[in-house]
Amino acid sequence: MNPMVPRNRFLDEFFGDFPLGYSVKPLHGDPLPAPEKIKIDVKDNAKSFTVHAEMPGLKKDDIHVTVDGNVVTIQAEVKQHDADTEDGKLLHSERYYGSIQRSFTLPAAATESKAKAKYENGILTLNLPKKDPGGSKKITVT
């Protein structure tokens, strides 16, 4: 008898959202979201891009955005600290630190110097003006 039982992909997909064990998922709060879990909406306006990213539970000082041409990177430091005290005596304490990052490509380059970011009610809003394409230049042949 073979001790190795083949795995069923259907069951793997079905149970994929369940935690693997109690030691994997923090008991005090939500785990770090995977980068693909940062839900984004990108709107292409005539002169700019507007990006909305869902990032609940963070402080605006812990969110960092970089724009390099048409590549946008959103990074955040996640810090959770829970402590239970009873009459000044610490009975239980847990800390959970980490970072998440997501990058995506815009259809055109953005002007980094004019980009603006706002974080309110768990939503990061980016206004990224498009770079002027520059157009063509006529060269006189002499």
N, C-alpha and C. Protein backbone atom coordinates (compact mmCIF):
# COMPACT_ATOMS: atom_id res chain seq x y z
N MET A 1 0.85 -1.18 0.00
CA MET A 1 0.00 0.00 0.00
C MET A 1 0.89 1.24 0.00
N ASN A 2 0.58 2.19 -0.82
CA ASN A 2 1.36 3.41 -0.96
C ASN A 2 0.94 4.42 0.12
N PRO A 3 1.87 4.86 0.99
CA PRO A 3 1.50 5.80 2.03
C PRO A 3 1.21 7.20 1.48
N MET A 4 1.67 7.48 0.26
CA MET A 4 1.44 8.78 -0.35
C MET A 4 0.12 8.77 -1.10
N VAL A 5 -0.84 9.50 -0.63
CA VAL A 5 -2.14 9.57 -1.26
C VAL A 5 -2.15 10.79 -2.18
N PRO A 6 -2.55 10.64 -3.44
CA PRO A 6 -2.57 11.81 -4.33
C PRO A 6 -3.60 12.83 -3.84
N ARG A 7 -3.25 14.09 -4.03
CA ARG A 7 -4.12 15.17 -3.56
C ARG A 7 -5.17 15.47 -4.62
N ASN A 8 -6.32 15.84 -4.17
CA ASN A 8 -7.41 16.19 -5.05
C ASN A 8 -7.45 17.71 -5.18
N ARG A 9 -7.28 18.23 -6.39
CA ARG A 9 -7.24 19.69 -6.62
C ARG A 9 -8.56 20.35 -6.22
N PHE A 10 -9.67 19.64 -6.42
CA PHE A 10 -10.96 20.22 -6.07
C PHE A 10 -11.01 20.55 -4.58
N LEU A 11 -10.57 19.61 -3.75
CA LEU A 11 -10.60 19.84 -2.31
C LEU A 11 -9.59 20.92 -1.91
N ASP A 12 -8.43 20.98 -2.60
CA ASP A 12 -7.46 22.04 -2.32
C ASP A 12 -8.07 23.42 -2.56
N GLU A 13 -8.79 23.56 -3.67
CA GLU A 13 -9.42 24.83 -3.98
C GLU A 13 -10.55 25.14 -3.00
N PHE A 14 -11.31 24.12 -2.62
CA PHE A 14 -12.43 24.32 -1.70
C PHE A 14 -11.96 24.77 -0.32
N PHE A 15 -10.90 24.14 0.18
CA PHE A 15 -10.40 24.46 1.51
C PHE A 15 -9.29 25.51 1.49
N GLY A 16 -9.01 26.11 0.34
CA GLY A 16 -7.92 27.07 0.21
C GLY A 16 -8.07 28.31 1.08
N ASP A 17 -9.33 28.71 1.39
CA ASP A 17 -9.55 29.91 2.19
C ASP A 17 -9.52 29.64 3.69
N PHE A 18 -9.48 28.35 4.09
CA PHE A 18 -9.44 28.02 5.51
C PHE A 18 -8.01 28.11 6.02
N PRO A 19 -7.81 28.55 7.26
CA PRO A 19 -6.44 28.58 7.80
C PRO A 19 -5.89 27.18 7.94
N LEU A 20 -4.57 27.07 7.77
CA LEU A 20 -3.92 25.77 7.85
C LEU A 20 -3.84 25.25 9.28
N GLY A 21 -3.83 26.11 10.23
CA GLY A 21 -3.75 25.71 11.63
C GLY A 21 -3.87 26.93 12.50
N TYR A 22 -4.07 26.71 13.77
CA TYR A 22 -4.24 27.85 14.66
C TYR A 22 -2.97 28.67 14.81
N SER A 23 -1.82 28.08 14.61
CA SER A 23 -0.57 28.81 14.76
C SER A 23 -0.27 29.71 13.56
N VAL A 24 -0.96 29.50 12.43
CA VAL A 24 -0.69 30.30 11.23
C VAL A 24 -1.42 31.63 11.29
N LYS A 25 -2.67 31.63 11.68
CA LYS A 25 -3.45 32.85 11.71
C LYS A 25 -3.35 33.49 13.10
N PRO A 26 -3.02 34.79 13.16
CA PRO A 26 -2.93 35.43 14.46
C PRO A 26 -4.28 35.38 15.19
N LEU A 27 -4.23 35.18 16.47
CA LEU A 27 -5.45 35.09 17.25
C LEU A 27 -6.02 36.46 17.60
N HIS A 28 -5.23 37.53 17.43
CA HIS A 28 -5.65 38.85 17.88
C HIS A 28 -6.17 39.74 16.76
N GLY A 29 -5.96 39.40 15.53
CA GLY A 29 -6.40 40.28 14.46
C GLY A 29 -6.28 39.59 13.11
N ASP A 30 -6.51 40.37 12.11
CA ASP A 30 -6.44 39.83 10.76
C ASP A 30 -5.00 39.69 10.32
N PRO A 31 -4.70 38.68 9.51
CA PRO A 31 -3.34 38.53 8.99
C PRO A 31 -3.07 39.59 7.94
N LEU A 32 -1.82 39.72 7.55
CA LEU A 32 -1.47 40.65 6.49
C LEU A 32 -2.18 40.25 5.21
N PRO A 33 -2.77 41.22 4.53
CA PRO A 33 -3.40 40.86 3.26
C PRO A 33 -2.34 40.57 2.22
N ALA A 34 -2.62 39.65 1.35
CA ALA A 34 -1.71 39.37 0.24
C ALA A 34 -1.76 40.55 -0.72
N PRO A 35 -0.67 40.82 -1.46
CA PRO A 35 -0.68 41.96 -2.37
C PRO A 35 -1.86 41.99 -3.32
N GLU A 36 -2.29 40.82 -3.80
CA GLU A 36 -3.44 40.81 -4.71
C GLU A 36 -4.75 41.10 -4.00
N LYS A 37 -4.73 41.13 -2.67
CA LYS A 37 -5.92 41.44 -1.90
C LYS A 37 -6.13 42.95 -1.75
N ILE A 38 -5.12 43.75 -2.09
CA ILE A 38 -5.30 45.20 -2.12
C ILE A 38 -6.09 45.49 -3.38
N LYS A 39 -7.36 45.72 -3.22
CA LYS A 39 -8.24 45.93 -4.37
C LYS A 39 -8.04 47.34 -4.90
N ILE A 40 -7.84 47.45 -6.21
CA ILE A 40 -7.64 48.76 -6.81
C ILE A 40 -8.62 48.98 -7.96
N ASP A 41 -8.97 50.23 -8.17
CA ASP A 41 -9.73 50.68 -9.33
C ASP A 41 -8.90 51.76 -9.98
N VAL A 42 -8.72 51.68 -11.30
CA VAL A 42 -7.96 52.69 -12.03
C VAL A 42 -8.89 53.28 -13.09
N LYS A 43 -9.05 54.61 -13.04
CA LYS A 43 -9.87 55.31 -14.03
C LYS A 43 -8.96 56.16 -14.90
N ASP A 44 -9.20 56.11 -16.19
CA ASP A 44 -8.43 56.87 -17.16
C ASP A 44 -9.26 58.07 -17.60
N ASN A 45 -8.88 59.25 -17.11
CA ASN A 45 -9.55 60.48 -17.50
C ASN A 45 -8.77 61.11 -18.66
N ALA A 46 -9.24 62.22 -19.18
CA ALA A 46 -8.58 62.85 -20.33
C ALA A 46 -7.15 63.28 -20.00
N LYS A 47 -6.93 63.84 -18.80
CA LYS A 47 -5.61 64.38 -18.47
C LYS A 47 -4.92 63.68 -17.31
N SER A 48 -5.60 62.71 -16.67
CA SER A 48 -4.99 62.06 -15.51
C SER A 48 -5.57 60.68 -15.29
N PHE A 49 -4.91 59.94 -14.39
CA PHE A 49 -5.41 58.66 -13.91
C PHE A 49 -5.85 58.86 -12.47
N THR A 50 -6.95 58.22 -12.09
CA THR A 50 -7.40 58.23 -10.71
C THR A 50 -7.38 56.78 -10.22
N VAL A 51 -6.69 56.55 -9.11
CA VAL A 51 -6.56 55.21 -8.55
C VAL A 51 -7.18 55.20 -7.16
N HIS A 52 -8.03 54.22 -6.90
CA HIS A 52 -8.59 53.99 -5.57
C HIS A 52 -8.10 52.62 -5.10
N ALA A 53 -7.47 52.58 -3.93
CA ALA A 53 -6.96 51.32 -3.37
C ALA A 53 -7.57 51.13 -1.98
N GLU A 54 -8.14 49.96 -1.76
CA GLU A 54 -8.71 49.63 -0.45
C GLU A 54 -7.59 49.17 0.48
N MET A 55 -7.35 49.93 1.55
CA MET A 55 -6.29 49.61 2.51
C MET A 55 -6.78 49.92 3.92
N PRO A 56 -7.79 49.21 4.41
CA PRO A 56 -8.36 49.53 5.72
C PRO A 56 -7.43 49.21 6.87
N GLY A 57 -7.59 49.95 7.95
CA GLY A 57 -6.86 49.67 9.19
C GLY A 57 -5.44 50.17 9.24
N LEU A 58 -5.04 50.99 8.30
CA LEU A 58 -3.67 51.50 8.29
C LEU A 58 -3.65 52.98 8.68
N LYS A 59 -2.47 53.45 9.04
CA LYS A 59 -2.26 54.87 9.28
C LYS A 59 -1.65 55.47 8.02
N LYS A 60 -2.01 56.70 7.71
CA LYS A 60 -1.52 57.30 6.47
C LYS A 60 -0.01 57.46 6.46
N ASP A 61 0.60 57.57 7.64
CA ASP A 61 2.06 57.69 7.71
C ASP A 61 2.77 56.38 7.36
N ASP A 62 2.05 55.28 7.39
CA ASP A 62 2.64 53.97 7.09
C ASP A 62 2.47 53.56 5.62
N ILE A 63 1.86 54.43 4.82
CA ILE A 63 1.64 54.13 3.40
C ILE A 63 2.62 54.93 2.57
N HIS A 64 3.29 54.25 1.62
CA HIS A 64 4.26 54.89 0.74
C HIS A 64 3.90 54.57 -0.70
N VAL A 65 3.88 55.61 -1.54
CA VAL A 65 3.55 55.45 -2.95
C VAL A 65 4.69 55.99 -3.78
N THR A 66 5.12 55.22 -4.78
CA THR A 66 6.13 55.70 -5.72
C THR A 66 5.59 55.56 -7.14
N VAL A 67 5.94 56.54 -7.96
CA VAL A 67 5.55 56.53 -9.37
C VAL A 67 6.83 56.64 -10.18
N ASP A 68 7.05 55.68 -11.06
CA ASP A 68 8.23 55.68 -11.92
C ASP A 68 7.76 55.47 -13.36
N GLY A 69 7.55 56.57 -14.06
CA GLY A 69 7.01 56.49 -15.42
C GLY A 69 5.57 56.03 -15.38
N ASN A 70 5.33 54.81 -15.88
CA ASN A 70 3.96 54.29 -15.85
C ASN A 70 3.78 53.16 -14.82
N VAL A 71 4.77 52.97 -13.94
CA VAL A 71 4.68 51.94 -12.90
C VAL A 71 4.40 52.60 -11.55
N VAL A 72 3.32 52.17 -10.92
CA VAL A 72 2.92 52.69 -9.60
C VAL A 72 3.12 51.58 -8.58
N THR A 73 3.78 51.91 -7.46
CA THR A 73 4.00 50.95 -6.39
C THR A 73 3.41 51.51 -5.10
N ILE A 74 2.56 50.72 -4.47
CA ILE A 74 1.96 51.07 -3.19
C ILE A 74 2.52 50.11 -2.15
N GLN A 75 3.10 50.67 -1.09
CA GLN A 75 3.69 49.85 -0.02
C GLN A 75 3.14 50.36 1.31
N ALA A 76 2.92 49.44 2.24
CA ALA A 76 2.42 49.83 3.55
C ALA A 76 3.05 48.96 4.63
N GLU A 77 3.32 49.57 5.77
CA GLU A 77 3.80 48.87 6.95
C GLU A 77 2.58 48.59 7.84
N VAL A 78 2.38 47.33 8.16
CA VAL A 78 1.24 46.93 8.98
C VAL A 78 1.75 46.65 10.39
N LYS A 79 1.12 47.30 11.37
CA LYS A 79 1.50 47.12 12.77
C LYS A 79 0.24 46.89 13.59
N GLN A 80 0.20 45.76 14.24
CA GLN A 80 -0.91 45.46 15.14
C GLN A 80 -0.33 45.08 16.50
N HIS A 81 -0.89 45.63 17.54
CA HIS A 81 -0.44 45.30 18.87
C HIS A 81 -1.64 45.22 19.78
N ASP A 82 -1.84 44.07 20.37
CA ASP A 82 -2.94 43.86 21.32
C ASP A 82 -2.35 43.49 22.67
N ALA A 83 -2.87 44.09 23.71
CA ALA A 83 -2.41 43.77 25.05
C ALA A 83 -3.61 43.69 25.98
N ASP A 84 -3.64 42.65 26.78
CA ASP A 84 -4.69 42.48 27.80
C ASP A 84 -4.07 42.71 29.17
N THR A 85 -4.64 43.62 29.91
CA THR A 85 -4.13 43.89 31.25
C THR A 85 -5.25 43.73 32.27
N GLU A 86 -4.83 43.39 33.46
CA GLU A 86 -5.78 43.28 34.56
C GLU A 86 -5.13 43.94 35.78
N ASP A 87 -5.67 45.06 36.18
CA ASP A 87 -5.15 45.82 37.32
C ASP A 87 -3.66 46.12 37.17
N GLY A 88 -3.25 46.53 35.97
CA GLY A 88 -1.86 46.92 35.76
C GLY A 88 -0.90 45.77 35.52
N LYS A 89 -1.36 44.55 35.64
CA LYS A 89 -0.51 43.39 35.41
C LYS A 89 -0.78 42.86 34.00
N LEU A 90 0.26 42.81 33.19
CA LEU A 90 0.12 42.34 31.81
C LEU A 90 -0.06 40.82 31.80
N LEU A 91 -1.17 40.38 31.25
CA LEU A 91 -1.46 38.95 31.19
C LEU A 91 -1.20 38.35 29.81
N HIS A 92 -1.37 39.16 28.78
CA HIS A 92 -1.25 38.63 27.43
C HIS A 92 -0.89 39.77 26.49
N SER A 93 0.05 39.54 25.57
CA SER A 93 0.44 40.56 24.61
C SER A 93 0.85 39.89 23.30
N GLU A 94 0.39 40.45 22.19
CA GLU A 94 0.77 39.94 20.88
C GLU A 94 1.13 41.12 19.98
N ARG A 95 2.14 40.91 19.16
CA ARG A 95 2.57 41.91 18.20
C ARG A 95 2.59 41.27 16.82
N TYR A 96 2.22 42.04 15.81
CA TYR A 96 2.19 41.53 14.45
C TYR A 96 2.65 42.65 13.53
N TYR A 97 3.80 42.49 12.93
CA TYR A 97 4.37 43.51 12.05
C TYR A 97 4.69 42.88 10.70
N GLY A 98 4.61 43.69 9.69
CA GLY A 98 4.96 43.22 8.36
C GLY A 98 4.70 44.31 7.34
N SER A 99 4.96 44.01 6.09
CA SER A 99 4.71 44.98 5.04
C SER A 99 4.03 44.30 3.86
N ILE A 100 3.25 45.09 3.15
CA ILE A 100 2.61 44.63 1.93
C ILE A 100 2.99 45.59 0.82
N GLN A 101 2.99 45.08 -0.39
CA GLN A 101 3.37 45.92 -1.52
C GLN A 101 2.66 45.42 -2.76
N ARG A 102 2.22 46.37 -3.59
CA ARG A 102 1.61 46.01 -4.87
C ARG A 102 2.05 47.01 -5.91
N SER A 103 2.43 46.51 -7.07
CA SER A 103 2.81 47.35 -8.20
C SER A 103 1.90 47.05 -9.38
N PHE A 104 1.63 48.06 -10.17
CA PHE A 104 0.84 47.87 -11.38
C PHE A 104 1.28 48.89 -12.41
N THR A 105 0.96 48.61 -13.66
CA THR A 105 1.39 49.45 -14.77
C THR A 105 0.21 50.20 -15.35
N LEU A 106 0.41 51.50 -15.54
CA LEU A 106 -0.60 52.34 -16.18
C LEU A 106 -0.40 52.29 -17.69
N PRO A 107 -1.43 52.60 -18.48
CA PRO A 107 -1.27 52.57 -19.94
C PRO A 107 -0.36 53.67 -20.48
N ALA A 108 -0.12 54.71 -19.69
CA ALA A 108 0.77 55.81 -20.11
C ALA A 108 1.52 56.30 -18.89
N ALA A 109 2.60 57.04 -19.14
CA ALA A 109 3.42 57.56 -18.04
C ALA A 109 2.69 58.68 -17.31
N ALA A 110 2.96 58.79 -16.01
CA ALA A 110 2.37 59.84 -15.18
C ALA A 110 3.45 60.84 -14.79
N THR A 111 3.03 62.07 -14.52
CA THR A 111 3.94 63.12 -14.07
C THR A 111 4.13 62.96 -12.57
N GLU A 112 5.31 62.48 -12.17
CA GLU A 112 5.56 62.19 -10.76
C GLU A 112 5.47 63.44 -9.89
N SER A 113 5.96 64.56 -10.39
CA SER A 113 6.03 65.78 -9.57
C SER A 113 4.65 66.37 -9.29
N LYS A 114 3.65 66.05 -10.09
CA LYS A 114 2.31 66.60 -9.88
C LYS A 114 1.33 65.58 -9.29
N ALA A 115 1.81 64.41 -8.93
CA ALA A 115 0.95 63.37 -8.37
C ALA A 115 0.51 63.75 -6.96
N LYS A 116 -0.73 63.38 -6.62
CA LYS A 116 -1.28 63.67 -5.29
C LYS A 116 -1.89 62.40 -4.71
N ALA A 117 -1.78 62.26 -3.39
CA ALA A 117 -2.33 61.10 -2.70
C ALA A 117 -3.13 61.56 -1.49
N LYS A 118 -4.24 60.86 -1.24
CA LYS A 118 -5.09 61.16 -0.08
C LYS A 118 -5.57 59.84 0.49
N TYR A 119 -5.53 59.71 1.83
CA TYR A 119 -5.98 58.50 2.50
C TYR A 119 -7.09 58.87 3.46
N GLU A 120 -8.27 58.29 3.24
CA GLU A 120 -9.42 58.62 4.08
C GLU A 120 -10.35 57.42 4.16
N ASN A 121 -10.77 57.06 5.36
CA ASN A 121 -11.71 55.96 5.61
C ASN A 121 -11.28 54.65 4.96
N GLY A 122 -9.97 54.35 5.02
CA GLY A 122 -9.47 53.09 4.51
C GLY A 122 -9.26 53.04 3.00
N ILE A 123 -9.48 54.15 2.31
CA ILE A 123 -9.31 54.20 0.86
C ILE A 123 -8.19 55.17 0.52
N LEU A 124 -7.21 54.69 -0.22
CA LEU A 124 -6.13 55.53 -0.74
C LEU A 124 -6.54 55.99 -2.13
N THR A 125 -6.56 57.31 -2.34
CA THR A 125 -6.91 57.88 -3.64
C THR A 125 -5.69 58.58 -4.21
N LEU A 126 -5.32 58.19 -5.42
CA LEU A 126 -4.19 58.80 -6.12
C LEU A 126 -4.70 59.55 -7.34
N ASN A 127 -4.21 60.77 -7.52
CA ASN A 127 -4.48 61.53 -8.73
C ASN A 127 -3.15 61.67 -9.45
N LEU A 128 -3.02 61.02 -10.60
CA LEU A 128 -1.76 60.96 -11.33
C LEU A 128 -1.93 61.61 -12.71
N PRO A 129 -1.51 62.89 -12.84
CA PRO A 129 -1.62 63.55 -14.14
C PRO A 129 -0.74 62.86 -15.19
N LYS A 130 -1.26 62.78 -16.41
CA LYS A 130 -0.52 62.16 -17.49
C LYS A 130 0.60 63.07 -17.95
N LYS A 131 1.71 62.46 -18.38
CA LYS A 131 2.80 63.24 -18.95
C LYS A 131 2.38 63.72 -20.33
N ASP A 132 2.81 64.93 -20.67
CA ASP A 132 2.55 65.46 -22.00
C ASP A 132 3.35 64.64 -23.00
N PRO A 133 2.69 64.08 -24.01
CA PRO A 133 3.42 63.23 -24.95
C PRO A 133 4.51 63.97 -25.71
N GLY A 134 4.49 65.30 -25.67
CA GLY A 134 5.56 66.05 -26.31
C GLY A 134 5.30 66.35 -27.77
N GLY A 135 4.67 65.45 -28.48
CA GLY A 135 4.36 65.69 -29.88
C GLY A 135 5.60 65.56 -30.75
N SER A 136 5.41 65.82 -32.00
CA SER A 136 6.53 65.71 -32.94
C SER A 136 7.11 67.09 -33.23
N LYS A 137 8.33 67.10 -33.66
CA LYS A 137 9.02 68.35 -33.95
C LYS A 137 9.50 68.30 -35.39
N LYS A 138 9.19 69.35 -36.13
CA LYS A 138 9.61 69.42 -37.53
C LYS A 138 11.05 69.92 -37.60
N ILE A 139 11.85 69.21 -38.32
CA ILE A 139 13.25 69.57 -38.46
C ILE A 139 13.48 70.07 -39.88
N THR A 140 14.08 71.24 -40.00
CA THR A 140 14.37 71.81 -41.30
C THR A 140 15.70 71.27 -41.82
N VAL A 141 15.67 70.80 -43.05
CA VAL A 141 16.87 70.26 -43.67
C VAL A 141 17.59 71.40 -44.37
N THR A 142 18.86 71.58 -44.08
CA THR A 142 19.61 72.66 -44.71
C THR A 142 20.65 72.14 -45.67
